[in-house]
PDB file of N, CA and C in Angstrom:
ATOM      1  N   MET A   1      17.320  16.239 -28.557  1.00  0.00           N
ATOM      2  CA  MET A   1      17.075  17.351 -27.692  1.00  0.00           C
ATOM      3  C   MET A   1      18.040  17.160 -26.461  1.00  0.00           C
ATOM      4  N   LYS A   2      18.353  18.297 -25.879  1.00  0.00           N
ATOM      5  CA  LYS A   2      19.237  18.221 -24.693  1.00  0.00           C
ATOM      6  C   LYS A   2      18.785  19.193 -23.644  1.00  0.00           C
ATOM      7  N   PHE A   3      18.742  18.683 -22.402  1.00  0.00           N
ATOM      8  CA  PHE A   3      18.500  19.417 -21.185  1.00  0.00           C
ATOM      9  C   PHE A   3      19.801  19.591 -20.408  1.00  0.00           C
ATOM     10  N   GLU A   4      20.023  20.731 -19.833  1.00  0.00           N
ATOM     11  CA  GLU A   4      21.203  20.958 -19.000  1.00  0.00           C
ATOM     12  C   GLU A   4      20.792  21.639 -17.711  1.00  0.00           C
ATOM     13  N   ALA A   5      21.213  21.016 -16.614  1.00  0.00           N
ATOM     14  CA  ALA A   5      21.041  21.633 -15.283  1.00  0.00           C
ATOM     15  C   ALA A   5      22.251  22.429 -14.952  1.00  0.00           C
ATOM     16  N   LEU A   6      22.035  23.629 -14.470  1.00  0.00           N
ATOM     17  CA  LEU A   6      23.212  24.511 -14.156  1.00  0.00           C
ATOM     18  C   LEU A   6      23.159  24.965 -12.746  1.00  0.00           C
ATOM     19  N   CYS A   7      24.357  25.068 -12.174  1.00  0.00           N
ATOM     20  CA  CYS A   7      24.493  25.640 -10.825  1.00  0.00           C
ATOM     21  C   CYS A   7      25.764  26.497 -10.815  1.00  0.00           C
ATOM     22  N   GLN A   8      26.132  27.024  -9.699  1.00  0.00           N
ATOM     23  CA  GLN A   8      27.224  27.988  -9.624  1.00  0.00           C
ATOM     24  C   GLN A   8      28.519  27.258 -10.016  1.00  0.00           C
ATOM     25  N   SER A   9      28.826  26.109  -9.504  1.00  0.00           N
ATOM     26  CA  SER A   9      30.085  25.428  -9.774  1.00  0.00           C
ATOM     27  C   SER A   9      30.005  24.276 -10.735  1.00  0.00           C
ATOM     28  N   GLY A  10      28.765  23.819 -11.021  1.00  0.00           N
ATOM     29  CA  GLY A  10      28.624  22.747 -12.017  1.00  0.00           C
ATOM     30  C   GLY A  10      28.875  21.332 -11.425  1.00  0.00           C
ATOM     31  N   LEU A  11      28.912  21.261 -10.129  1.00  0.00           N
ATOM     32  CA  LEU A  11      29.177  20.019  -9.481  1.00  0.00           C
ATOM     33  C   LEU A  11      28.032  19.422  -8.561  1.00  0.00           C
ATOM     34  N   GLY A  12      27.469  20.199  -7.681  1.00  0.00           N
ATOM     35  CA  GLY A  12      26.509  19.632  -6.721  1.00  0.00           C
ATOM     36  C   GLY A  12      25.038  19.631  -7.118  1.00  0.00           C
ATOM     37  N   SER A  13      24.441  20.764  -6.966  1.00  0.00           N
ATOM     38  CA  SER A  13      22.971  20.851  -7.199  1.00  0.00           C
ATOM     39  C   SER A  13      22.668  20.505  -8.664  1.00  0.00           C
ATOM     40  N   SER A  14      23.483  20.928  -9.584  1.00  0.00           N
ATOM     41  CA  SER A  14      23.234  20.685 -11.012  1.00  0.00           C
ATOM     42  C   SER A  14      23.186  19.180 -11.248  1.00  0.00           C
ATOM     43  N   PHE A  15      24.076  18.489 -10.659  1.00  0.00           N
ATOM     44  CA  PHE A  15      24.150  17.025 -10.792  1.00  0.00           C
ATOM     45  C   PHE A  15      22.872  16.345 -10.258  1.00  0.00           C
ATOM     46  N   MET A  16      22.421  16.841  -9.039  1.00  0.00           N
ATOM     47  CA  MET A  16      21.194  16.352  -8.493  1.00  0.00           C
ATOM     48  C   MET A  16      19.985  16.574  -9.384  1.00  0.00           C
ATOM     49  N   VAL A  17      19.863  17.750  -9.943  1.00  0.00           N
ATOM     50  CA  VAL A  17      18.739  18.075 -10.865  1.00  0.00           C
ATOM     51  C   VAL A  17      18.882  17.187 -12.101  1.00  0.00           C
ATOM     52  N   GLN A  18      20.046  17.032 -12.637  1.00  0.00           N
ATOM     53  CA  GLN A  18      20.264  16.143 -13.797  1.00  0.00           C
ATOM     54  C   GLN A  18      19.707  14.754 -13.504  1.00  0.00           C
ATOM     55  N   MET A  19      20.078  14.166 -12.404  1.00  0.00           N
ATOM     56  CA  MET A  19      19.617  12.808 -12.006  1.00  0.00           C
ATOM     57  C   MET A  19      18.114  12.814 -11.888  1.00  0.00           C
ATOM     58  N   ASN A  20      17.540  13.883 -11.226  1.00  0.00           N
ATOM     59  CA  ASN A  20      16.094  13.927 -11.100  1.00  0.00           C
ATOM     60  C   ASN A  20      15.377  13.985 -12.416  1.00  0.00           C
ATOM     61  N   ILE A  21      15.921  14.795 -13.365  1.00  0.00           N
ATOM     62  CA  ILE A  21      15.350  14.888 -14.723  1.00  0.00           C
ATOM     63  C   ILE A  21      15.367  13.506 -15.393  1.00  0.00           C
ATOM     64  N   GLN A  22      16.518  12.860 -15.346  1.00  0.00           N
ATOM     65  CA  GLN A  22      16.641  11.529 -15.961  1.00  0.00           C
ATOM     66  C   GLN A  22      15.688  10.538 -15.387  1.00  0.00           C
ATOM     67  N   ASN A  23      15.497  10.549 -14.081  1.00  0.00           N
ATOM     68  CA  ASN A  23      14.541   9.617 -13.440  1.00  0.00           C
ATOM     69  C   ASN A  23      13.120   9.981 -13.863  1.00  0.00           C
ATOM     70  N   LEU A  24      12.808  11.261 -13.927  1.00  0.00           N
ATOM     71  CA  LEU A  24      11.484  11.694 -14.384  1.00  0.00           C
ATOM     72  C   LEU A  24      11.222  11.254 -15.799  1.00  0.00           C
ATOM     73  N   LEU A  25      12.162  11.428 -16.736  1.00  0.00           N
ATOM     74  CA  LEU A  25      11.945  10.971 -18.094  1.00  0.00           C
ATOM     75  C   LEU A  25      11.715   9.508 -18.190  1.00  0.00           C
ATOM     76  N   GLU A  26      12.359   8.728 -17.342  1.00  0.00           N
ATOM     77  CA  GLU A  26      12.061   7.277 -17.321  1.00  0.00           C
ATOM     78  C   GLU A  26      10.715   6.969 -16.826  1.00  0.00           C
ATOM     79  N   GLU A  27      10.310   7.657 -15.683  1.00  0.00           N
ATOM     80  CA  GLU A  27       8.975   7.486 -15.146  1.00  0.00           C
ATOM     81  C   GLU A  27       7.903   7.831 -16.097  1.00  0.00           C
ATOM     82  N   GLU A  28       8.154   8.867 -16.929  1.00  0.00           N
ATOM     83  CA  GLU A  28       7.154   9.354 -17.903  1.00  0.00           C
ATOM     84  C   GLU A  28       7.216   8.560 -19.180  1.00  0.00           C
ATOM     85  N   ASN A  29       8.067   7.509 -19.277  1.00  0.00           N
ATOM     86  CA  ASN A  29       8.171   6.638 -20.424  1.00  0.00           C
ATOM     87  C   ASN A  29       8.496   7.394 -21.708  1.00  0.00           C
ATOM     88  N   VAL A  30       9.390   8.359 -21.598  1.00  0.00           N
ATOM     89  CA  VAL A  30       9.796   9.159 -22.791  1.00  0.00           C
ATOM     90  C   VAL A  30      10.667   8.265 -23.681  1.00  0.00           C
ATOM     91  N   LYS A  31      10.309   8.072 -24.883  1.00  0.00           N
ATOM     92  CA  LYS A  31      11.059   7.209 -25.783  1.00  0.00           C
ATOM     93  C   LYS A  31      12.079   8.012 -26.631  1.00  0.00           C
ATOM     94  N   ASP A  32      11.773   9.325 -26.791  1.00  0.00           N
ATOM     95  CA  ASP A  32      12.632  10.190 -27.599  1.00  0.00           C
ATOM     96  C   ASP A  32      14.051  10.264 -26.883  1.00  0.00           C
ATOM     97  N   ASP A  33      15.064  10.450 -27.700  1.00  0.00           N
ATOM     98  CA  ASP A  33      16.419  10.586 -27.191  1.00  0.00           C
ATOM     99  C   ASP A  33      16.619  12.007 -26.677  1.00  0.00           C
ATOM    100  N   ILE A  34      16.550  12.126 -25.342  1.00  0.00           N
ATOM    101  CA  ILE A  34      16.817  13.400 -24.664  1.00  0.00           C
ATOM    102  C   ILE A  34      18.015  13.233 -23.817  1.00  0.00           C
ATOM    103  N   LYS A  35      19.047  13.933 -24.098  1.00  0.00           N
ATOM    104  CA  LYS A  35      20.286  13.885 -23.299  1.00  0.00           C
ATOM    105  C   LYS A  35      20.121  14.916 -22.125  1.00  0.00           C
ATOM    106  N   VAL A  36      20.580  14.519 -21.035  1.00  0.00           N
ATOM    107  CA  VAL A  36      20.512  15.382 -19.862  1.00  0.00           C
ATOM    108  C   VAL A  36      22.026  15.432 -19.277  1.00  0.00           C
ATOM    109  N   ASP A  37      22.413  16.706 -19.059  1.00  0.00           N
ATOM    110  CA  ASP A  37      23.784  16.904 -18.529  1.00  0.00           C
ATOM    111  C   ASP A  37      23.730  18.030 -17.421  1.00  0.00           C
ATOM    112  N   HIS A  38      24.822  18.312 -16.889  1.00  0.00           N
ATOM    113  CA  HIS A  38      24.925  19.400 -15.913  1.00  0.00           C
ATOM    114  C   HIS A  38      26.246  20.209 -16.108  1.00  0.00           C
ATOM    115  N   GLY A  39      26.249  21.403 -15.602  1.00  0.00           N
ATOM    116  CA  GLY A  39      27.389  22.211 -15.807  1.00  0.00           C
ATOM    117  C   GLY A  39      27.261  23.487 -14.937  1.00  0.00           C
ATOM    118  N   ASP A  40      28.261  24.343 -15.109  1.00  0.00           N
ATOM    119  CA  ASP A  40      28.226  25.600 -14.357  1.00  0.00           C
ATOM    120  C   ASP A  40      27.662  26.727 -15.199  1.00  0.00           C
ATOM    121  N   VAL A  41      26.934  27.601 -14.588  1.00  0.00           N
ATOM    122  CA  VAL A  41      26.224  28.666 -15.227  1.00  0.00           C
ATOM    123  C   VAL A  41      27.222  29.678 -15.987  1.00  0.00           C
ATOM    124  N   GLY A  42      28.382  29.856 -15.422  1.00  0.00           N
ATOM    125  CA  GLY A  42      29.382  30.735 -15.936  1.00  0.00           C
ATOM    126  C   GLY A  42      29.873  30.410 -17.293  1.00  0.00           C
ATOM    127  N   SER A  43      29.979  29.123 -17.639  1.00  0.00           N
ATOM    128  CA  SER A  43      30.487  28.714 -18.922  1.00  0.00           C
ATOM    129  C   SER A  43      29.410  28.212 -19.900  1.00  0.00           C
ATOM    130  N   ALA A  44      28.171  28.319 -19.503  1.00  0.00           N
ATOM    131  CA  ALA A  44      27.099  27.841 -20.379  1.00  0.00           C
ATOM    132  C   ALA A  44      26.917  28.778 -21.592  1.00  0.00           C
ATOM    133  N   THR A  45      26.738  28.164 -22.800  1.00  0.00           N
ATOM    134  CA  THR A  45      26.427  28.904 -24.020  1.00  0.00           C
ATOM    135  C   THR A  45      25.124  28.483 -24.547  1.00  0.00           C
ATOM    136  N   GLU A  46      24.454  29.310 -25.262  1.00  0.00           N
ATOM    137  CA  GLU A  46      23.072  29.015 -25.730  1.00  0.00           C
ATOM    138  C   GLU A  46      23.060  27.804 -26.649  1.00  0.00           C
ATOM    139  N   ASP A  47      24.087  27.482 -27.334  1.00  0.00           N
ATOM    140  CA  ASP A  47      24.042  26.346 -28.270  1.00  0.00           C
ATOM    141  C   ASP A  47      24.385  25.011 -27.575  1.00  0.00           C
ATOM    142  N   GLN A  48      24.663  25.076 -26.301  1.00  0.00           N
ATOM    143  CA  GLN A  48      24.977  23.878 -25.460  1.00  0.00           C
ATOM    144  C   GLN A  48      23.797  22.997 -25.182  1.00  0.00           C
ATOM    145  N   ALA A  49      22.586  23.488 -25.111  1.00  0.00           N
ATOM    146  CA  ALA A  49      21.372  22.717 -24.786  1.00  0.00           C
ATOM    147  C   ALA A  49      20.146  23.434 -25.372  1.00  0.00           C
ATOM    148  N   ASP A  50      19.020  22.643 -25.398  1.00  0.00           N
ATOM    149  CA  ASP A  50      17.795  23.231 -25.824  1.00  0.00           C
ATOM    150  C   ASP A  50      17.066  23.938 -24.618  1.00  0.00           C
ATOM    151  N   TYR A  51      17.260  23.408 -23.433  1.00  0.00           N
ATOM    152  CA  TYR A  51      16.683  24.001 -22.229  1.00  0.00           C
ATOM    153  C   TYR A  51      17.667  23.875 -21.090  1.00  0.00           C
ATOM    154  N   PHE A  52      17.701  24.930 -20.303  1.00  0.00           N
ATOM    155  CA  PHE A  52      18.618  25.001 -19.151  1.00  0.00           C
ATOM    156  C   PHE A  52      17.789  25.171 -17.854  1.00  0.00           C
ATOM    157  N   PHE A  53      18.021  24.345 -16.859  1.00  0.00           N
ATOM    158  CA  PHE A  53      17.329  24.343 -15.615  1.00  0.00           C
ATOM    159  C   PHE A  53      18.202  25.037 -14.556  1.00  0.00           C
ATOM    160  N   ILE A  54      17.730  26.126 -13.892  1.00  0.00           N
ATOM    161  CA  ILE A  54      18.557  26.832 -12.964  1.00  0.00           C
ATOM    162  C   ILE A  54      17.774  27.152 -11.686  1.00  0.00           C
ATOM    163  N   ASP A  55      18.442  27.497 -10.680  1.00  0.00           N
ATOM    164  CA  ASP A  55      17.928  28.032  -9.400  1.00  0.00           C
ATOM    165  C   ASP A  55      17.619  29.522  -9.579  1.00  0.00           C
ATOM    166  N   PRO A  56      16.579  30.060  -8.962  1.00  0.00           N
ATOM    167  CA  PRO A  56      16.256  31.445  -9.144  1.00  0.00           C
ATOM    168  C   PRO A  56      17.372  32.442  -8.820  1.00  0.00           C
ATOM    169  N   THR A  57      18.317  32.013  -7.918  1.00  0.00           N
ATOM    170  CA  THR A  57      19.437  32.940  -7.590  1.00  0.00           C
ATOM    171  C   THR A  57      20.400  33.093  -8.746  1.00  0.00           C
ATOM    172  N   LEU A  58      20.336  32.239  -9.742  1.00  0.00           N
ATOM    173  CA  LEU A  58      21.279  32.329 -10.847  1.00  0.00           C
ATOM    174  C   LEU A  58      20.723  33.012 -12.118  1.00  0.00           C
ATOM    175  N   GLU A  59      19.438  33.563 -11.989  1.00  0.00           N
ATOM    176  CA  GLU A  59      18.835  34.173 -13.148  1.00  0.00           C
ATOM    177  C   GLU A  59      19.729  35.260 -13.823  1.00  0.00           C
ATOM    178  N   THR A  60      20.269  36.084 -13.001  1.00  0.00           N
ATOM    179  CA  THR A  60      21.120  37.147 -13.538  1.00  0.00           C
ATOM    180  C   THR A  60      22.422  36.584 -14.099  1.00  0.00           C
ATOM    181  N   SER A  61      22.960  35.528 -13.525  1.00  0.00           N
ATOM    182  CA  SER A  61      24.166  34.898 -14.078  1.00  0.00           C
ATOM    183  C   SER A  61      23.922  34.230 -15.430  1.00  0.00           C
ATOM    184  N   ALA A  62      22.634  33.824 -15.665  1.00  0.00           N
ATOM    185  CA  ALA A  62      22.299  33.202 -16.883  1.00  0.00           C
ATOM    186  C   ALA A  62      21.787  34.151 -17.942  1.00  0.00           C
ATOM    187  N   GLY A  63      22.142  35.513 -17.798  1.00  0.00           N
ATOM    188  CA  GLY A  63      21.637  36.488 -18.672  1.00  0.00           C
ATOM    189  C   GLY A  63      22.133  36.366 -20.153  1.00  0.00           C
ATOM    190  N   ASN A  64      23.199  35.554 -20.328  1.00  0.00           N
ATOM    191  CA  ASN A  64      23.681  35.319 -21.697  1.00  0.00           C
ATOM    192  C   ASN A  64      22.865  34.279 -22.429  1.00  0.00           C
ATOM    193  N   LEU A  65      22.012  33.559 -21.741  1.00  0.00           N
ATOM    194  CA  LEU A  65      21.187  32.494 -22.330  1.00  0.00           C
ATOM    195  C   LEU A  65      19.799  33.075 -22.707  1.00  0.00           C
ATOM    196  N   PRO A  66      19.265  32.670 -23.852  1.00  0.00           N
ATOM    197  CA  PRO A  66      17.936  33.140 -24.290  1.00  0.00           C
ATOM    198  C   PRO A  66      16.884  32.769 -23.137  1.00  0.00           C
ATOM    199  N   LYS A  67      16.082  33.749 -22.775  1.00  0.00           N
ATOM    200  CA  LYS A  67      15.051  33.576 -21.766  1.00  0.00           C
ATOM    201  C   LYS A  67      14.170  32.310 -22.040  1.00  0.00           C
ATOM    202  N   GLU A  68      13.802  32.124 -23.352  1.00  0.00           N
ATOM    203  CA  GLU A  68      12.850  31.010 -23.683  1.00  0.00           C
ATOM    204  C   GLU A  68      13.516  29.629 -23.465  1.00  0.00           C
ATOM    205  N   LYS A  69      14.818  29.666 -23.276  1.00  0.00           N
ATOM    206  CA  LYS A  69      15.499  28.340 -23.066  1.00  0.00           C
ATOM    207  C   LYS A  69      15.756  28.061 -21.550  1.00  0.00           C
ATOM    208  N   VAL A  70      15.538  29.108 -20.704  1.00  0.00           N
ATOM    209  CA  VAL A  70      15.885  28.935 -19.256  1.00  0.00           C
ATOM    210  C   VAL A  70      14.576  28.600 -18.498  1.00  0.00           C
ATOM    211  N   VAL A  71      14.738  27.515 -17.736  1.00  0.00           N
ATOM    212  CA  VAL A  71      13.640  27.102 -16.854  1.00  0.00           C
ATOM    213  C   VAL A  71      14.077  27.307 -15.380  1.00  0.00           C
ATOM    214  N   VAL A  72      13.420  28.206 -14.751  1.00  0.00           N
ATOM    215  CA  VAL A  72      13.757  28.570 -13.380  1.00  0.00           C
ATOM    216  C   VAL A  72      12.949  27.620 -12.434  1.00  0.00           C
ATOM    217  N   LEU A  73      13.652  26.904 -11.621  1.00  0.00           N
ATOM    218  CA  LEU A  73      13.044  26.022 -10.593  1.00  0.00           C
ATOM    219  C   LEU A  73      13.053  26.767  -9.273  1.00  0.00           C
ATOM    220  N   LYS A  74      11.867  27.060  -8.743  1.00  0.00           N
ATOM    221  CA  LYS A  74      11.803  27.712  -7.460  1.00  0.00           C
ATOM    222  C   LYS A  74      12.360  26.864  -6.387  1.00  0.00           C
ATOM    223  N   SER A  75      12.245  25.550  -6.467  1.00  0.00           N
ATOM    224  CA  SER A  75      12.883  24.645  -5.523  1.00  0.00           C
ATOM    225  C   SER A  75      13.559  23.485  -6.272  1.00  0.00           C
ATOM    226  N   LEU A  76      14.835  23.243  -6.026  1.00  0.00           N
ATOM    227  CA  LEU A  76      15.617  22.228  -6.727  1.00  0.00           C
ATOM    228  C   LEU A  76      15.187  20.856  -6.292  1.00  0.00           C
ATOM    229  N   ILE A  77      14.403  20.742  -5.127  1.00  0.00           N
ATOM    230  CA  ILE A  77      14.119  19.409  -4.635  1.00  0.00           C
ATOM    231  C   ILE A  77      12.593  19.167  -4.698  1.00  0.00           C
ATOM    232  N   ASP A  78      11.794  20.021  -5.336  1.00  0.00           N
ATOM    233  CA  ASP A  78      10.389  19.851  -5.470  1.00  0.00           C
ATOM    234  C   ASP A  78      10.103  19.004  -6.703  1.00  0.00           C
ATOM    235  N   ALA A  79       9.813  17.727  -6.518  1.00  0.00           N
ATOM    236  CA  ALA A  79       9.624  16.774  -7.593  1.00  0.00           C
ATOM    237  C   ALA A  79       8.376  17.152  -8.451  1.00  0.00           C
ATOM    238  N   ASP A  80       7.364  17.679  -7.789  1.00  0.00           N
ATOM    239  CA  ASP A  80       6.157  18.072  -8.527  1.00  0.00           C
ATOM    240  C   ASP A  80       6.393  19.210  -9.396  1.00  0.00           C
ATOM    241  N   GLU A  81       7.163  20.234  -8.946  1.00  0.00           N
ATOM    242  CA  GLU A  81       7.461  21.410  -9.827  1.00  0.00           C
ATOM    243  C   GLU A  81       8.327  20.979 -11.003  1.00  0.00           C
ATOM    244  N   LEU A  82       9.308  20.074 -10.746  1.00  0.00           N
ATOM    245  CA  LEU A  82      10.156  19.611 -11.905  1.00  0.00           C
ATOM    246  C   LEU A  82       9.339  18.817 -12.870  1.00  0.00           C
ATOM    247  N   LYS A  83       8.434  17.977 -12.377  1.00  0.00           N
ATOM    248  CA  LYS A  83       7.601  17.219 -13.304  1.00  0.00           C
ATOM    249  C   LYS A  83       6.693  18.098 -14.135  1.00  0.00           C
ATOM    250  N   GLU A  84       6.118  19.129 -13.504  1.00  0.00           N
ATOM    251  CA  GLU A  84       5.244  20.058 -14.231  1.00  0.00           C
ATOM    252  C   GLU A  84       6.010  20.818 -15.312  1.00  0.00           C
ATOM    253  N   LYS A  85       7.184  21.292 -14.973  1.00  0.00           N
ATOM    254  CA  LYS A  85       8.034  22.064 -15.948  1.00  0.00           C
ATOM    255  C   LYS A  85       8.525  21.186 -17.083  1.00  0.00           C
ATOM    256  N   VAL A  86       9.005  20.003 -16.762  1.00  0.00           N
ATOM    257  CA  VAL A  86       9.563  19.072 -17.801  1.00  0.00           C
ATOM    258  C   VAL A  86       8.360  18.636 -18.713  1.00  0.00           C
ATOM    259  N   ASN A  87       7.264  18.284 -18.156  1.00  0.00           N
ATOM    260  CA  ASN A  87       6.138  17.877 -18.939  1.00  0.00           C
ATOM    261  C   ASN A  87       5.598  19.008 -19.806  1.00  0.00           C
ATOM    262  N   SER A  88       5.692  20.191 -19.367  1.00  0.00           N
ATOM    263  CA  SER A  88       5.275  21.363 -20.169  1.00  0.00           C
ATOM    264  C   SER A  88       6.131  21.473 -21.384  1.00  0.00           C
ATOM    265  N   ILE A  89       7.482  21.269 -21.194  1.00  0.00           N
ATOM    266  CA  ILE A  89       8.433  21.298 -22.348  1.00  0.00           C
ATOM    267  C   ILE A  89       8.137  20.170 -23.295  1.00  0.00           C
ATOM    268  N   LEU A  90       7.942  18.998 -22.789  1.00  0.00           N
ATOM    269  CA  LEU A  90       7.638  17.812 -23.594  1.00  0.00           C
ATOM    270  C   LEU A  90       6.340  18.062 -24.407  1.00  0.00           C
ATOM    271  N   ASP A  91       5.354  18.585 -23.802  1.00  0.00           N
ATOM    272  CA  ASP A  91       4.120  18.920 -24.491  1.00  0.00           C
ATOM    273  C   ASP A  91       4.382  19.939 -25.639  1.00  0.00           C
ATOM    274  N   HIS A  92       5.139  21.011 -25.268  1.00  0.00           N
ATOM    275  CA  HIS A  92       5.457  22.114 -26.226  1.00  0.00           C
ATOM    276  C   HIS A  92       6.188  21.548 -27.425  1.00  0.00           C
ATOM    277  N   GLU A  93       7.096  20.614 -27.170  1.00  0.00           N
ATOM    278  CA  GLU A  93       7.909  20.002 -28.237  1.00  0.00           C
ATOM    279  C   GLU A  93       7.305  18.810 -28.983  1.00  0.00           C
ATOM    280  N   GLY A  94       6.080  18.444 -28.450  1.00  0.00           N
ATOM    281  CA  GLY A  94       5.379  17.305 -29.097  1.00  0.00           C
ATOM    282  C   GLY A  94       5.982  15.977 -28.818  1.00  0.00           C
ATOM    283  N   ILE A  95       6.566  15.861 -27.643  1.00  0.00           N
ATOM    284  CA  ILE A  95       7.185  14.551 -27.258  1.00  0.00           C
ATOM    285  C   ILE A  95       6.256  13.866 -26.413  1.00  0.00           C
ATOM    286  N   ALA A  96       5.968  12.576 -26.776  1.00  0.00           N
ATOM    287  CA  ALA A  96       5.063  11.658 -26.011  1.00  0.00           C
ATOM    288  C   ALA A  96       5.573  11.326 -24.687  1.00  0.00           C
ATOM    289  N   HIS A  97       4.657  11.346 -23.681  1.00  0.00           N
ATOM    290  CA  HIS A  97       5.009  10.907 -22.298  1.00  0.00           C
ATOM    291  C   HIS A  97       3.691  10.478 -21.615  1.00  0.00           C
ATOM    292  N   ASP A  98       3.831   9.798 -20.496  1.00  0.00           N
ATOM    293  CA  ASP A  98       2.661   9.390 -19.736  1.00  0.00           C
ATOM    294  C   ASP A  98       2.149  10.414 -18.841  1.00  0.00           C
TER     295      ASP A  98
END
């Protein structure tokens, strides 16, 4: 499985979200192989990842991605929101976590 954090340029906020997801997966003791990457929303394609994490301002820019694969984060720095959304995906996919 692969998660990808997206931002406008693929450099700043997407990298921060990538690091936060990686840390969260470690904290949740996820043993499954989940790759986490970051990139820019303009070049993202639906086969690039299983789930894409974006800022609400990029929803229209991510229109080429399937809605069921897009996770909109109201706040890129809210650890509780990120944990809730990642854990929801893990539960949906049947991936064990703490």
